[in-house]
PDB file of N, CA and C in Angstrom:
ATOM      1  N   MET A   1       5.853  24.265 -60.782  1.00  0.00           N
ATOM      2  CA  MET A   1       5.596  25.629 -60.374  1.00  0.00           C
ATOM      3  C   MET A   1       6.764  26.129 -59.533  1.00  0.00           C
ATOM      4  N   PRO A   2       7.370  27.233 -59.890  1.00  0.00           N
ATOM      5  CA  PRO A   2       8.445  27.782 -59.056  1.00  0.00           C
ATOM      6  C   PRO A   2       7.895  28.398 -57.770  1.00  0.00           C
ATOM      7  N   TYR A   3       8.619  28.185 -56.691  1.00  0.00           N
ATOM      8  CA  TYR A   3       8.223  28.713 -55.385  1.00  0.00           C
ATOM      9  C   TYR A   3       9.270  29.716 -54.905  1.00  0.00           C
ATOM     10  N   ASP A   4       8.833  30.656 -54.103  1.00  0.00           N
ATOM     11  CA  ASP A   4       9.771  31.558 -53.455  1.00  0.00           C
ATOM     12  C   ASP A   4      10.534  30.824 -52.356  1.00  0.00           C
ATOM     13  N   PHE A   5       9.852  29.928 -51.651  1.00  0.00           N
ATOM     14  CA  PHE A   5      10.529  29.195 -50.583  1.00  0.00           C
ATOM     15  C   PHE A   5       9.933  27.806 -50.409  1.00  0.00           C
ATOM     16  N   PHE A   6      10.757  26.926 -49.873  1.00  0.00           N
ATOM     17  CA  PHE A   6      10.390  25.548 -49.550  1.00  0.00           C
ATOM     18  C   PHE A   6      10.530  25.410 -48.051  1.00  0.00           C
ATOM     19  N   LEU A   7       9.475  25.004 -47.362  1.00  0.00           N
ATOM     20  CA  LEU A   7       9.515  24.831 -45.911  1.00  0.00           C
ATOM     21  C   LEU A   7       9.883  23.386 -45.591  1.00  0.00           C
ATOM     22  N   SER A   8      11.027  23.203 -44.943  1.00  0.00           N
ATOM     23  CA  SER A   8      11.521  21.886 -44.559  1.00  0.00           C
ATOM     24  C   SER A   8      11.438  21.784 -43.045  1.00  0.00           C
ATOM     25  N   TYR A   9      10.870  20.690 -42.553  1.00  0.00           N
ATOM     26  CA  TYR A   9      10.655  20.533 -41.117  1.00  0.00           C
ATOM     27  C   TYR A   9      10.526  19.057 -40.782  1.00  0.00           C
ATOM     28  N   SER A  10      10.686  18.744 -39.523  1.00  0.00           N
ATOM     29  CA  SER A  10      10.480  17.384 -39.038  1.00  0.00           C
ATOM     30  C   SER A  10       9.002  17.189 -38.691  1.00  0.00           C
ATOM     31  N   ARG A  11       8.489  16.021 -38.923  1.00  0.00           N
ATOM     32  CA  ARG A  11       7.090  15.729 -38.562  1.00  0.00           C
ATOM     33  C   ARG A  11       6.841  15.959 -37.073  1.00  0.00           C
ATOM     34  N   GLY A  12       7.877  15.848 -36.266  1.00  0.00           N
ATOM     35  CA  GLY A  12       7.741  16.101 -34.839  1.00  0.00           C
ATOM     36  C   GLY A  12       7.482  17.563 -34.509  1.00  0.00           C
ATOM     37  N   ASN A  13       7.669  18.434 -35.490  1.00  0.00           N
ATOM     38  CA  ASN A  13       7.466  19.873 -35.302  1.00  0.00           C
ATOM     39  C   ASN A  13       6.323  20.389 -36.171  1.00  0.00           C
ATOM     40  N   SER A  14       5.343  19.555 -36.440  1.00  0.00           N
ATOM     41  CA  SER A  14       4.300  19.937 -37.400  1.00  0.00           C
ATOM     42  C   SER A  14       3.000  20.387 -36.737  1.00  0.00           C
ATOM     43  N   GLY A  15       3.099  21.098 -35.653  1.00  0.00           N
ATOM     44  CA  GLY A  15       1.916  21.558 -34.942  1.00  0.00           C
ATOM     45  C   GLY A  15       1.319  22.820 -35.527  1.00  0.00           C
ATOM     46  N   PRO A  16       0.341  23.384 -34.849  1.00  0.00           N
ATOM     47  CA  PRO A  16      -0.335  24.588 -35.341  1.00  0.00           C
ATOM     48  C   PRO A  16       0.594  25.796 -35.458  1.00  0.00           C
ATOM     49  N   GLN A  17       1.660  25.843 -34.653  1.00  0.00           N
ATOM     50  CA  GLN A  17       2.597  26.956 -34.758  1.00  0.00           C
ATOM     51  C   GLN A  17       3.309  26.946 -36.104  1.00  0.00           C
ATOM     52  N   LEU A  18       3.609  25.766 -36.614  1.00  0.00           N
ATOM     53  CA  LEU A  18       4.275  25.656 -37.907  1.00  0.00           C
ATOM     54  C   LEU A  18       3.351  26.129 -39.022  1.00  0.00           C
ATOM     55  N   LYS A  19       2.091  25.739 -38.943  1.00  0.00           N
ATOM     56  CA  LYS A  19       1.127  26.191 -39.948  1.00  0.00           C
ATOM     57  C   LYS A  19       0.987  27.712 -39.916  1.00  0.00           C
ATOM     58  N   ARG A  20       0.968  28.276 -38.716  1.00  0.00           N
ATOM     59  CA  ARG A  20       0.866  29.729 -38.567  1.00  0.00           C
ATOM     60  C   ARG A  20       2.114  30.413 -39.124  1.00  0.00           C
ATOM     61  N   PHE A  21       3.286  29.836 -38.860  1.00  0.00           N
ATOM     62  CA  PHE A  21       4.532  30.380 -39.395  1.00  0.00           C
ATOM     63  C   PHE A  21       4.497  30.406 -40.916  1.00  0.00           C
ATOM     64  N   PHE A  22       4.073  29.290 -41.527  1.00  0.00           N
ATOM     65  CA  PHE A  22       4.002  29.229 -42.987  1.00  0.00           C
ATOM     66  C   PHE A  22       3.031  30.276 -43.524  1.00  0.00           C
ATOM     67  N   LYS A  23       1.891  30.410 -42.906  1.00  0.00           N
ATOM     68  CA  LYS A  23       0.904  31.402 -43.351  1.00  0.00           C
ATOM     69  C   LYS A  23       1.458  32.811 -43.231  1.00  0.00           C
ATOM     70  N   ASP A  24       2.070  33.124 -42.086  1.00  0.00           N
ATOM     71  CA  ASP A  24       2.617  34.470 -41.877  1.00  0.00           C
ATOM     72  C   ASP A  24       3.753  34.773 -42.850  1.00  0.00           C
ATOM     73  N   LEU A  25       4.645  33.802 -43.063  1.00  0.00           N
ATOM     74  CA  LEU A  25       5.742  33.998 -44.007  1.00  0.00           C
ATOM     75  C   LEU A  25       5.202  34.185 -45.421  1.00  0.00           C
ATOM     76  N   SER A  26       4.231  33.393 -45.800  1.00  0.00           N
ATOM     77  CA  SER A  26       3.618  33.533 -47.124  1.00  0.00           C
ATOM     78  C   SER A  26       2.986  34.903 -47.291  1.00  0.00           C
ATOM     79  N   ASP A  27       2.300  35.381 -46.263  1.00  0.00           N
ATOM     80  CA  ASP A  27       1.677  36.710 -46.320  1.00  0.00           C
ATOM     81  C   ASP A  27       2.716  37.801 -46.533  1.00  0.00           C
ATOM     82  N   VAL A  28       3.835  37.716 -45.822  1.00  0.00           N
ATOM     83  CA  VAL A  28       4.889  38.722 -45.955  1.00  0.00           C
ATOM     84  C   VAL A  28       5.491  38.686 -47.358  1.00  0.00           C
ATOM     85  N   VAL A  29       5.750  37.499 -47.872  1.00  0.00           N
ATOM     86  CA  VAL A  29       6.334  37.374 -49.213  1.00  0.00           C
ATOM     87  C   VAL A  29       5.377  37.937 -50.257  1.00  0.00           C
ATOM     88  N   ARG A  30       4.095  37.585 -50.148  1.00  0.00           N
ATOM     89  CA  ARG A  30       3.114  38.120 -51.097  1.00  0.00           C
ATOM     90  C   ARG A  30       3.070  39.641 -51.031  1.00  0.00           C
ATOM     91  N   GLN A  31       3.066  40.186 -49.833  1.00  0.00           N
ATOM     92  CA  GLN A  31       3.008  41.637 -49.663  1.00  0.00           C
ATOM     93  C   GLN A  31       4.241  42.301 -50.278  1.00  0.00           C
ATOM     94  N   LYS A  32       5.417  41.769 -50.002  1.00  0.00           N
ATOM     95  CA  LYS A  32       6.663  42.333 -50.528  1.00  0.00           C
ATOM     96  C   LYS A  32       6.710  42.270 -52.047  1.00  0.00           C
ATOM     97  N   ARG A  33       6.126  41.228 -52.620  1.00  0.00           N
ATOM     98  CA  ARG A  33       6.136  41.069 -54.081  1.00  0.00           C
ATOM     99  C   ARG A  33       4.926  41.696 -54.756  1.00  0.00           C
ATOM    100  N   GLY A  34       3.996  42.212 -53.973  1.00  0.00           N
ATOM    101  CA  GLY A  34       2.804  42.826 -54.543  1.00  0.00           C
ATOM    102  C   GLY A  34       1.862  41.827 -55.176  1.00  0.00           C
ATOM    103  N   LEU A  35       1.790  40.634 -54.610  1.00  0.00           N
ATOM    104  CA  LEU A  35       0.941  39.576 -55.158  1.00  0.00           C
ATOM    105  C   LEU A  35      -0.394  39.537 -54.421  1.00  0.00           C
ATOM    106  N   PRO A  36      -1.427  39.019 -55.066  1.00  0.00           N
ATOM    107  CA  PRO A  36      -2.733  38.918 -54.397  1.00  0.00           C
ATOM    108  C   PRO A  36      -2.705  37.918 -53.244  1.00  0.00           C
ATOM    109  N   GLN A  37      -3.621  38.066 -52.326  1.00  0.00           N
ATOM    110  CA  GLN A  37      -3.685  37.270 -51.102  1.00  0.00           C
ATOM    111  C   GLN A  37      -3.626  35.763 -51.358  1.00  0.00           C
ATOM    112  N   GLY A  38      -4.266  35.256 -52.356  1.00  0.00           N
ATOM    113  CA  GLY A  38      -4.314  33.812 -52.576  1.00  0.00           C
ATOM    114  C   GLY A  38      -3.153  33.240 -53.368  1.00  0.00           C
ATOM    115  N   ALA A  39      -2.205  34.062 -53.798  1.00  0.00           N
ATOM    116  CA  ALA A  39      -1.099  33.580 -54.623  1.00  0.00           C
ATOM    117  C   ALA A  39      -0.226  32.599 -53.843  1.00  0.00           C
ATOM    118  N   THR A  40       0.164  31.519 -54.496  1.00  0.00           N
ATOM    119  CA  THR A  40       1.026  30.524 -53.875  1.00  0.00           C
ATOM    120  C   THR A  40       2.470  30.977 -54.005  1.00  0.00           C
ATOM    121  N   VAL A  41       3.159  31.118 -52.864  1.00  0.00           N
ATOM    122  CA  VAL A  41       4.546  31.561 -52.886  1.00  0.00           C
ATOM    123  C   VAL A  41       5.483  30.559 -52.225  1.00  0.00           C
ATOM    124  N   GLY A  42       4.942  29.667 -51.409  1.00  0.00           N
ATOM    125  CA  GLY A  42       5.775  28.706 -50.703  1.00  0.00           C
ATOM    126  C   GLY A  42       5.260  27.293 -50.845  1.00  0.00           C
ATOM    127  N   PHE A  43       6.156  26.340 -50.627  1.00  0.00           N
ATOM    128  CA  PHE A  43       5.785  24.930 -50.638  1.00  0.00           C
ATOM    129  C   PHE A  43       5.802  24.414 -49.212  1.00  0.00           C
ATOM    130  N   PHE A  44       4.674  23.897 -48.794  1.00  0.00           N
ATOM    131  CA  PHE A  44       4.506  23.286 -47.462  1.00  0.00           C
ATOM    132  C   PHE A  44       3.733  22.019 -47.726  1.00  0.00           C
ATOM    133  N   ASP A  45       4.348  20.873 -47.509  1.00  0.00           N
ATOM    134  CA  ASP A  45       3.716  19.630 -47.938  1.00  0.00           C
ATOM    135  C   ASP A  45       2.327  19.425 -47.360  1.00  0.00           C
ATOM    136  N   GLN A  46       2.038  19.976 -46.195  1.00  0.00           N
ATOM    137  CA  GLN A  46       0.702  19.822 -45.625  1.00  0.00           C
ATOM    138  C   GLN A  46      -0.342  20.617 -46.408  1.00  0.00           C
ATOM    139  N   ASN A  47       0.079  21.652 -47.105  1.00  0.00           N
ATOM    140  CA  ASN A  47      -0.844  22.469 -47.900  1.00  0.00           C
ATOM    141  C   ASN A  47      -0.741  22.178 -49.387  1.00  0.00           C
ATOM    142  N   SER A  48       0.448  21.784 -49.854  1.00  0.00           N
ATOM    143  CA  SER A  48       0.728  21.722 -51.283  1.00  0.00           C
ATOM    144  C   SER A  48       0.494  20.370 -51.922  1.00  0.00           C
ATOM    145  N   LEU A  49       0.412  19.323 -51.126  1.00  0.00           N
ATOM    146  CA  LEU A  49       0.209  17.986 -51.690  1.00  0.00           C
ATOM    147  C   LEU A  49      -1.236  17.553 -51.519  1.00  0.00           C
ATOM    148  N   GLU A  50      -1.758  16.965 -52.540  1.00  0.00           N
ATOM    149  CA  GLU A  50      -3.117  16.436 -52.518  1.00  0.00           C
ATOM    150  C   GLU A  50      -3.047  14.921 -52.359  1.00  0.00           C
ATOM    151  N   ARG A  51      -4.100  14.347 -51.845  1.00  0.00           N
ATOM    152  CA  ARG A  51      -4.177  12.897 -51.720  1.00  0.00           C
ATOM    153  C   ARG A  51      -4.014  12.278 -53.113  1.00  0.00           C
ATOM    154  N   GLY A  52      -3.162  11.284 -53.191  1.00  0.00           N
ATOM    155  CA  GLY A  52      -2.909  10.616 -54.463  1.00  0.00           C
ATOM    156  C   GLY A  52      -1.709  11.167 -55.211  1.00  0.00           C
ATOM    157  N   ASP A  53      -1.190  12.335 -54.796  1.00  0.00           N
ATOM    158  CA  ASP A  53       0.011  12.880 -55.425  1.00  0.00           C
ATOM    159  C   ASP A  53       1.192  11.965 -55.148  1.00  0.00           C
ATOM    160  N   GLU A  54       2.113  11.928 -56.073  1.00  0.00           N
ATOM    161  CA  GLU A  54       3.355  11.206 -55.846  1.00  0.00           C
ATOM    162  C   GLU A  54       4.250  12.147 -55.063  1.00  0.00           C
ATOM    163  N   TRP A  55       4.171  12.039 -53.743  1.00  0.00           N
ATOM    164  CA  TRP A  55       4.780  13.041 -52.880  1.00  0.00           C
ATOM    165  C   TRP A  55       6.278  13.178 -53.058  1.00  0.00           C
ATOM    166  N   GLU A  56       6.997  12.090 -53.294  1.00  0.00           N
ATOM    167  CA  GLU A  56       8.441  12.218 -53.452  1.00  0.00           C
ATOM    168  C   GLU A  56       8.794  13.064 -54.666  1.00  0.00           C
ATOM    169  N   SER A  57       8.141  12.827 -55.786  1.00  0.00           N
ATOM    170  CA  SER A  57       8.448  13.612 -56.984  1.00  0.00           C
ATOM    171  C   SER A  57       7.976  15.057 -56.830  1.00  0.00           C
ATOM    172  N   GLU A  58       6.865  15.256 -56.136  1.00  0.00           N
ATOM    173  CA  GLU A  58       6.380  16.623 -55.890  1.00  0.00           C
ATOM    174  C   GLU A  58       7.362  17.394 -55.002  1.00  0.00           C
ATOM    175  N   ILE A  59       7.877  16.731 -53.984  1.00  0.00           N
ATOM    176  CA  ILE A  59       8.836  17.386 -53.088  1.00  0.00           C
ATOM    177  C   ILE A  59      10.135  17.673 -53.829  1.00  0.00           C
ATOM    178  N   VAL A  60      10.637  16.740 -54.595  1.00  0.00           N
ATOM    179  CA  VAL A  60      11.866  16.957 -55.363  1.00  0.00           C
ATOM    180  C   VAL A  60      11.683  18.124 -56.323  1.00  0.00           C
ATOM    181  N   ASP A  61      10.553  18.155 -57.014  1.00  0.00           N
ATOM    182  CA  ASP A  61      10.289  19.252 -57.947  1.00  0.00           C
ATOM    183  C   ASP A  61      10.232  20.592 -57.211  1.00  0.00           C
ATOM    184  N   ALA A  62       9.584  20.611 -56.055  1.00  0.00           N
ATOM    185  CA  ALA A  62       9.491  21.853 -55.280  1.00  0.00           C
ATOM    186  C   ALA A  62      10.867  22.316 -54.814  1.00  0.00           C
ATOM    187  N   ILE A  63      11.714  21.394 -54.385  1.00  0.00           N
ATOM    188  CA  ILE A  63      13.069  21.752 -53.957  1.00  0.00           C
ATOM    189  C   ILE A  63      13.860  22.294 -55.140  1.00  0.00           C
ATOM    190  N   GLN A  64      13.682  21.674 -56.298  1.00  0.00           N
ATOM    191  CA  GLN A  64      14.427  22.087 -57.495  1.00  0.00           C
ATOM    192  C   GLN A  64      14.004  23.458 -58.008  1.00  0.00           C
ATOM    193  N   THR A  65      12.790  23.886 -57.681  1.00  0.00           N
ATOM    194  CA  THR A  65      12.296  25.145 -58.234  1.00  0.00           C
ATOM    195  C   THR A  65      12.157  26.260 -57.202  1.00  0.00           C
ATOM    196  N   SER A  66      12.437  25.992 -55.943  1.00  0.00           N
ATOM    197  CA  SER A  66      12.317  27.015 -54.905  1.00  0.00           C
ATOM    198  C   SER A  66      13.556  27.894 -54.866  1.00  0.00           C
ATOM    199  N   LYS A  67      13.340  29.179 -54.631  1.00  0.00           N
ATOM    200  CA  LYS A  67      14.463  30.117 -54.547  1.00  0.00           C
ATOM    201  C   LYS A  67      15.281  29.886 -53.287  1.00  0.00           C
ATOM    202  N   VAL A  68      14.604  29.612 -52.174  1.00  0.00           N
ATOM    203  CA  VAL A  68      15.287  29.383 -50.902  1.00  0.00           C
ATOM    204  C   VAL A  68      14.621  28.233 -50.159  1.00  0.00           C
ATOM    205  N   MET A  69      15.379  27.649 -49.237  1.00  0.00           N
ATOM    206  CA  MET A  69      14.817  26.641 -48.342  1.00  0.00           C
ATOM    207  C   MET A  69      14.798  27.237 -46.942  1.00  0.00           C
ATOM    208  N   VAL A  70      13.663  27.141 -46.300  1.00  0.00           N
ATOM    209  CA  VAL A  70      13.526  27.558 -44.908  1.00  0.00           C
ATOM    210  C   VAL A  70      13.450  26.277 -44.099  1.00  0.00           C
ATOM    211  N   ALA A  71      14.509  26.008 -43.336  1.00  0.00           N
ATOM    212  CA  ALA A  71      14.575  24.779 -42.547  1.00  0.00           C
ATOM    213  C   ALA A  71      14.261  25.106 -41.090  1.00  0.00           C
ATOM    214  N   ILE A  72      13.239  24.462 -40.570  1.00  0.00           N
ATOM    215  CA  ILE A  72      12.875  24.593 -39.162  1.00  0.00           C
ATOM    216  C   ILE A  72      13.647  23.510 -38.423  1.00  0.00           C
ATOM    217  N   THR A  73      14.789  23.884 -37.898  1.00  0.00           N
ATOM    218  CA  THR A  73      15.667  22.883 -37.308  1.00  0.00           C
ATOM    219  C   THR A  73      15.320  22.605 -35.843  1.00  0.00           C
ATOM    220  N   SER A  74      15.570  21.378 -35.471  1.00  0.00           N
ATOM    221  CA  SER A  74      15.332  20.885 -34.124  1.00  0.00           C
ATOM    222  C   SER A  74      16.128  19.591 -34.003  1.00  0.00           C
ATOM    223  N   PRO A  75      16.257  19.034 -32.809  1.00  0.00           N
ATOM    224  CA  PRO A  75      16.916  17.728 -32.712  1.00  0.00           C
ATOM    225  C   PRO A  75      16.262  16.681 -33.625  1.00  0.00           C
ATOM    226  N   ALA A  76      14.940  16.706 -33.704  1.00  0.00           N
ATOM    227  CA  ALA A  76      14.234  15.750 -34.569  1.00  0.00           C
ATOM    228  C   ALA A  76      14.566  15.987 -36.045  1.00  0.00           C
ATOM    229  N   TYR A  77      14.757  17.235 -36.430  1.00  0.00           N
ATOM    230  CA  TYR A  77      15.104  17.558 -37.824  1.00  0.00           C
ATOM    231  C   TYR A  77      16.419  16.891 -38.204  1.00  0.00           C
ATOM    232  N   PHE A  78      17.420  17.031 -37.333  1.00  0.00           N
ATOM    233  CA  PHE A  78      18.739  16.484 -37.642  1.00  0.00           C
ATOM    234  C   PHE A  78      18.785  14.957 -37.559  1.00  0.00           C
ATOM    235  N   LYS A  79      17.803  14.348 -36.936  1.00  0.00           N
ATOM    236  CA  LYS A  79      17.719  12.885 -36.879  1.00  0.00           C
ATOM    237  C   LYS A  79      16.909  12.303 -38.036  1.00  0.00           C
ATOM    238  N   SER A  80      16.189  13.154 -38.754  1.00  0.00           N
ATOM    239  CA  SER A  80      15.287  12.688 -39.809  1.00  0.00           C
ATOM    240  C   SER A  80      16.028  12.444 -41.121  1.00  0.00           C
ATOM    241  N   ASP A  81      15.894  11.228 -41.653  1.00  0.00           N
ATOM    242  CA  ASP A  81      16.486  10.920 -42.959  1.00  0.00           C
ATOM    243  C   ASP A  81      15.871  11.779 -44.054  1.00  0.00           C
ATOM    244  N   TYR A  82      14.556  11.973 -44.007  1.00  0.00           N
ATOM    245  CA  TYR A  82      13.881  12.765 -45.042  1.00  0.00           C
ATOM    246  C   TYR A  82      14.347  14.212 -45.032  1.00  0.00           C
ATOM    247  N   CYS A  83      14.478  14.790 -43.840  1.00  0.00           N
ATOM    248  CA  CYS A  83      14.954  16.183 -43.753  1.00  0.00           C
ATOM    249  C   CYS A  83      16.371  16.278 -44.298  1.00  0.00           C
ATOM    250  N   GLY A  84      17.200  15.300 -43.977  1.00  0.00           N
ATOM    251  CA  GLY A  84      18.566  15.287 -44.499  1.00  0.00           C
ATOM    252  C   GLY A  84      18.590  15.196 -46.016  1.00  0.00           C
ATOM    253  N   LYS A  85      17.697  14.388 -46.580  1.00  0.00           N
ATOM    254  CA  LYS A  85      17.623  14.268 -48.036  1.00  0.00           C
ATOM    255  C   LYS A  85      17.176  15.579 -48.671  1.00  0.00           C
ATOM    256  N   GLU A  86      16.184  16.240 -48.063  1.00  0.00           N
ATOM    257  CA  GLU A  86      15.728  17.529 -48.594  1.00  0.00           C
ATOM    258  C   GLU A  86      16.858  18.550 -48.582  1.00  0.00           C
ATOM    259  N   LEU A  87      17.528  18.663 -47.462  1.00  0.00           N
ATOM    260  CA  LEU A  87      18.617  19.626 -47.329  1.00  0.00           C
ATOM    261  C   LEU A  87      19.755  19.290 -48.288  1.00  0.00           C
ATOM    262  N   GLY A  88      20.099  18.017 -48.385  1.00  0.00           N
ATOM    263  CA  GLY A  88      21.161  17.597 -49.300  1.00  0.00           C
ATOM    264  C   GLY A  88      20.834  17.897 -50.746  1.00  0.00           C
ATOM    265  N   LEU A  89      19.605  17.644 -51.150  1.00  0.00           N
ATOM    266  CA  LEU A  89      19.188  17.923 -52.524  1.00  0.00           C
ATOM    267  C   LEU A  89      19.241  19.414 -52.818  1.00  0.00           C
ATOM    268  N   PHE A  90      18.791  20.236 -51.862  1.00  0.00           N
ATOM    269  CA  PHE A  90      18.836  21.684 -52.069  1.00  0.00           C
ATOM    270  C   PHE A  90      20.290  22.158 -52.145  1.00  0.00           C
ATOM    271  N   GLN A  91      21.154  21.645 -51.296  1.00  0.00           N
ATOM    272  CA  GLN A  91      22.563  22.026 -51.325  1.00  0.00           C
ATOM    273  C   GLN A  91      23.222  21.620 -52.643  1.00  0.00           C
ATOM    274  N   GLN A  92      22.884  20.449 -53.158  1.00  0.00           N
ATOM    275  CA  GLN A  92      23.428  20.010 -54.452  1.00  0.00           C
ATOM    276  C   GLN A  92      22.999  20.951 -55.568  1.00  0.00           C
ATOM    277  N   ARG A  93      21.741  21.334 -55.533  1.00  0.00           N
ATOM    278  CA  ARG A  93      21.235  22.248 -56.557  1.00  0.00           C
ATOM    279  C   ARG A  93      21.968  23.582 -56.511  1.00  0.00           C
ATOM    280  N   ILE A  94      22.145  24.118 -55.324  1.00  0.00           N
ATOM    281  CA  ILE A  94      22.839  25.397 -55.174  1.00  0.00           C
ATOM    282  C   ILE A  94      24.290  25.274 -55.634  1.00  0.00           C
ATOM    283  N   ALA A  95      24.945  24.190 -55.254  1.00  0.00           N
ATOM    284  CA  ALA A  95      26.348  23.992 -55.635  1.00  0.00           C
ATOM    285  C   ALA A  95      26.511  23.858 -57.141  1.00  0.00           C
ATOM    286  N   ALA A  96      25.503  23.339 -57.822  1.00  0.00           N
ATOM    287  CA  ALA A  96      25.575  23.147 -59.267  1.00  0.00           C
ATOM    288  C   ALA A  96      25.322  24.435 -60.053  1.00  0.00           C
ATOM    289  N   GLN A  97      24.791  25.449 -59.395  1.00  0.00           N
ATOM    290  CA  GLN A  97      24.513  26.706 -60.085  1.00  0.00           C
ATOM    291  C   GLN A  97      25.804  27.491 -60.248  1.00  0.00           C
ATOM    292  N   PRO A  98      25.948  28.134 -61.397  1.00  0.00           N
ATOM    293  CA  PRO A  98      27.152  28.952 -61.574  1.00  0.00           C
ATOM    294  C   PRO A  98      27.146  30.124 -60.597  1.00  0.00           C
ATOM    295  N   THR A  99      28.299  30.457 -60.095  1.00  0.00           N
ATOM    296  CA  THR A  99      28.394  31.569 -59.167  1.00  0.00           C
ATOM    297  C   THR A  99      28.416  32.894 -59.945  1.00  0.00           C
ATOM    298  N   VAL A 100      27.916  33.914 -59.315  1.00  0.00           N
ATOM    299  CA  VAL A 100      27.886  35.237 -59.922  1.00  0.00           C
ATOM    300  C   VAL A 100      28.755  36.152 -59.080  1.00  0.00           C
ATOM    301  N   ASP A 101      29.670  36.850 -59.735  1.00  0.00           N
ATOM    302  CA  ASP A 101      30.499  37.812 -59.029  1.00  0.00           C
ATOM    303  C   ASP A 101      29.675  39.074 -58.825  1.00  0.00           C
ATOM    304  N   ARG A 102      29.128  39.223 -57.646  1.00  0.00           N
ATOM    305  CA  ARG A 102      28.214  40.330 -57.355  1.00  0.00           C
ATOM    306  C   ARG A 102      28.926  41.679 -57.397  1.00  0.00           C
ATOM    307  N   GLN A 103      30.228  41.729 -57.156  1.00  0.00           N
ATOM    308  CA  GLN A 103      30.933  43.000 -57.184  1.00  0.00           C
ATOM    309  C   GLN A 103      31.047  43.545 -58.602  1.00  0.00           C
ATOM    310  N   SER A 104      31.014  42.678 -59.596  1.00  0.00           N
ATOM    311  CA  SER A 104      31.131  43.157 -60.980  1.00  0.00           C
ATOM    312  C   SER A 104      29.782  43.538 -61.578  1.00  0.00           C
ATOM    313  N   GLN A 105      28.706  43.318 -60.823  1.00  0.00           N
ATOM    314  CA  GLN A 105      27.367  43.681 -61.291  1.00  0.00           C
ATOM    315  C   GLN A 105      27.181  45.188 -61.179  1.00  0.00           C
ATOM    316  N   PRO A 106      26.519  45.819 -62.169  1.00  0.00           N
ATOM    317  CA  PRO A 106      26.271  47.268 -62.052  1.00  0.00           C
ATOM    318  C   PRO A 106      25.282  47.591 -60.959  1.00  0.00           C
TER     319      PRO A 106
END
């Protein structure tokens, strides 16, 4: 499933404020796109993964199909191997995409 955004964060920053941020950001994206309230627009592993899911493949797929990555950075984020892998994978994907000369677009 393609996502508008992928939320990347450190487990040390996974409190209720993060959940509220994801909900508020999702609401704004849905509103801007004219989508119904329940439409899924973002990937947040606490909401998007079910028990028994192969979380690594689900996260890789979400990173590969998300339009943007929203990274909640903190000292813990930069120390996390998993956060580094997520960011690195997203950067590789972006680098592999052909560039578009926006000035030549009508």
